[in-house]
Amino acid sequence: MEGWELIERGYHREAMFWIAVTHSRCHKVLSRVAPEEMKQSFRNSYRDLGSDLGVPSFTDIRQRYGRDRANPSPSLGGSRNHYVSQPRNRG
């Protein structure tokens, strides 16, 4: 499924996941090959993306992961798949 299809079908979170993954992959490559003066702008854009997604630092990711592993969502039966969202009913 293409990115625009995810959005059209109401899978906005999944679309953002793939945008973030692609951004991360590009960031990884550019951090290895870009001139030093450009690397800071890449780091800033990566931090901005994380912040926009509500995860401002690596420490926050580790804390969320630990918290969620310790207390799985009871509304989803403790499933570890609770990060996967369902499409919204647009009808």
C-alpha atoms as a PDB file:
ATOM      1  CA  MET A   1       0.000   0.000   0.000  1.00  0.00           C
ATOM      2  CA  GLU A   2       1.346   3.429  -0.940  1.00  0.00           C
ATOM      3  CA  GLY A   3       1.617   6.235   1.600  1.00  0.00           C
ATOM      4  CA  TRP A   4      -1.255   8.228   0.135  1.00  0.00           C
ATOM      5  CA  GLU A   5      -3.444   5.118   0.289  1.00  0.00           C
ATOM      6  CA  LEU A   6      -2.769   4.804   4.011  1.00  0.00           C
ATOM      7  CA  ILE A   7      -3.925   8.366   4.511  1.00  0.00           C
ATOM      8  CA  GLU A   8      -6.997   8.008   2.278  1.00  0.00           C
ATOM      9  CA  ARG A   9      -8.058   4.883   4.175  1.00  0.00           C
ATOM     10  CA  GLY A  10      -7.693   6.612   7.536  1.00  0.00           C
ATOM     11  CA  TYR A  11      -4.409   5.043   8.599  1.00  0.00           C
ATOM     12  CA  HIS A  12      -2.775   8.348   9.511  1.00  0.00           C
ATOM     13  CA  ARG A  13      -0.628   6.926  12.294  1.00  0.00           C
ATOM     14  CA  GLU A  14       0.698   4.180  10.058  1.00  0.00           C
ATOM     15  CA  ALA A  15       1.510   6.740   7.358  1.00  0.00           C
ATOM     16  CA  MET A  16       3.425   8.827   9.911  1.00  0.00           C
ATOM     17  CA  PHE A  17       5.248   5.702  11.054  1.00  0.00           C
ATOM     18  CA  TRP A  18       6.539   5.099   7.523  1.00  0.00           C
ATOM     19  CA  ILE A  19       7.404   8.773   7.067  1.00  0.00           C
ATOM     20  CA  ALA A  20       9.423   8.612  10.298  1.00  0.00           C
ATOM     21  CA  VAL A  21      11.115   5.346   9.237  1.00  0.00           C
ATOM     22  CA  THR A  22      12.079   6.814   5.867  1.00  0.00           C
ATOM     23  CA  HIS A  23      13.330   9.979   7.545  1.00  0.00           C
ATOM     24  CA  SER A  24      15.406   7.864   9.942  1.00  0.00           C
ATOM     25  CA  ARG A  25      16.932   5.846   7.119  1.00  0.00           C
ATOM     26  CA  CYS A  26      17.844   8.992   5.195  1.00  0.00           C
ATOM     27  CA  HIS A  27      19.246  10.543   8.364  1.00  0.00           C
ATOM     28  CA  LYS A  28      21.431   7.495   8.953  1.00  0.00           C
ATOM     29  CA  VAL A  29      22.921   7.632   5.455  1.00  0.00           C
ATOM     30  CA  LEU A  30      23.392  11.398   5.438  1.00  0.00           C
ATOM     31  CA  SER A  31      25.024  11.355   8.866  1.00  0.00           C
ATOM     32  CA  ARG A  32      27.750   9.176   7.360  1.00  0.00           C
ATOM     33  CA  VAL A  33      28.346  10.984   4.075  1.00  0.00           C
ATOM     34  CA  ALA A  34      27.307  14.615   4.551  1.00  0.00           C
ATOM     35  CA  PRO A  35      29.815  17.389   5.206  1.00  0.00           C
ATOM     36  CA  GLU A  36      30.161  18.209   8.891  1.00  0.00           C
ATOM     37  CA  GLU A  37      28.453  21.604   8.592  1.00  0.00           C
ATOM     38  CA  MET A  38      25.300  19.927   7.236  1.00  0.00           C
ATOM     39  CA  LYS A  39      25.112  17.232   9.898  1.00  0.00           C
ATOM     40  CA  GLN A  40      23.777  19.581  12.587  1.00  0.00           C
ATOM     41  CA  SER A  41      20.794  20.533  10.429  1.00  0.00           C
ATOM     42  CA  PHE A  42      20.022  16.841   9.946  1.00  0.00           C
ATOM     43  CA  ARG A  43      20.226  16.236  13.688  1.00  0.00           C
ATOM     44  CA  ASN A  44      17.908  19.170  14.310  1.00  0.00           C
ATOM     45  CA  SER A  45      15.314  17.911  11.822  1.00  0.00           C
ATOM     46  CA  TYR A  46      15.458  14.460  13.417  1.00  0.00           C
ATOM     47  CA  ARG A  47      14.881  15.932  16.880  1.00  0.00           C
ATOM     48  CA  ASP A  48      12.039  18.073  15.499  1.00  0.00           C
ATOM     49  CA  LEU A  49      10.332  15.020  14.004  1.00  0.00           C
ATOM     50  CA  GLY A  50      10.588  13.140  17.293  1.00  0.00           C
ATOM     51  CA  SER A  51       9.269  16.118  19.188  1.00  0.00           C
ATOM     52  CA  ASP A  52       6.333  16.487  16.766  1.00  0.00           C
ATOM     53  CA  LEU A  53       5.521  12.836  17.402  1.00  0.00           C
ATOM     54  CA  GLY A  54       5.656  13.364  21.165  1.00  0.00           C
ATOM     55  CA  VAL A  55       9.050  11.711  21.670  1.00  0.00           C
ATOM     56  CA  PRO A  56      11.550  14.512  22.213  1.00  0.00           C
ATOM     57  CA  SER A  57      14.564  12.352  23.148  1.00  0.00           C
ATOM     58  CA  PHE A  58      16.020   8.844  23.126  1.00  0.00           C
ATOM     59  CA  THR A  59      15.633   8.798  26.903  1.00  0.00           C
ATOM     60  CA  ASP A  60      11.888   9.388  26.470  1.00  0.00           C
ATOM     61  CA  ILE A  61      11.667   6.466  24.039  1.00  0.00           C
ATOM     62  CA  ARG A  62      13.408   4.141  26.515  1.00  0.00           C
ATOM     63  CA  GLN A  63      11.153   5.321  29.361  1.00  0.00           C
ATOM     64  CA  ARG A  64       7.983   4.833  27.297  1.00  0.00           C
ATOM     65  CA  TYR A  65       9.096   1.402  26.180  1.00  0.00           C
ATOM     66  CA  GLY A  66       9.819   0.324  29.763  1.00  0.00           C
ATOM     67  CA  ARG A  67       6.548   1.771  31.035  1.00  0.00           C
ATOM     68  CA  ASP A  68       4.497   0.148  28.278  1.00  0.00           C
ATOM     69  CA  ARG A  69       6.170  -3.241  28.703  1.00  0.00           C
ATOM     70  CA  ALA A  70       5.485  -3.120  32.426  1.00  0.00           C
ATOM     71  CA  ASN A  71       1.870  -1.966  32.003  1.00  0.00           C
ATOM     72  CA  PRO A  72       0.365  -3.149  28.707  1.00  0.00           C
ATOM     73  CA  SER A  73      -2.859  -1.452  27.724  1.00  0.00           C
ATOM     74  CA  PRO A  74      -5.720  -3.228  29.551  1.00  0.00           C
ATOM     75  CA  SER A  75      -8.226  -2.007  26.969  1.00  0.00           C
ATOM     76  CA  LEU A  76      -6.461  -4.162  24.399  1.00  0.00           C
ATOM     77  CA  GLY A  77      -6.161  -7.239  26.556  1.00  0.00           C
ATOM     78  CA  GLY A  78      -2.528  -6.549  27.320  1.00  0.00           C
ATOM     79  CA  SER A  79      -1.603  -7.000  23.687  1.00  0.00           C
ATOM     80  CA  ARG A  80       1.841  -5.832  22.659  1.00  0.00           C
ATOM     81  CA  ASN A  81       0.264  -4.798  19.374  1.00  0.00           C
ATOM     82  CA  HIS A  82      -1.409  -1.808  20.987  1.00  0.00           C
ATOM     83  CA  TYR A  83       0.789   0.574  18.982  1.00  0.00           C
ATOM     84  CA  VAL A  84      -1.087  -0.357  15.822  1.00  0.00           C
ATOM     85  CA  SER A  85      -4.045   1.922  15.343  1.00  0.00           C
ATOM     86  CA  GLN A  86      -7.294   1.184  13.604  1.00  0.00           C
ATOM     87  CA  PRO A  87      -8.633   3.380  10.804  1.00  0.00           C
ATOM     88  CA  ARG A  88     -11.199   5.947  11.763  1.00  0.00           C
ATOM     89  CA  ASN A  89     -14.724   5.539  10.515  1.00  0.00           C
ATOM     90  CA  ARG A  90     -15.168   8.355   8.044  1.00  0.00           C
ATOM     91  CA  GLY A  91     -18.858   7.580   7.354  1.00  0.00           C
END
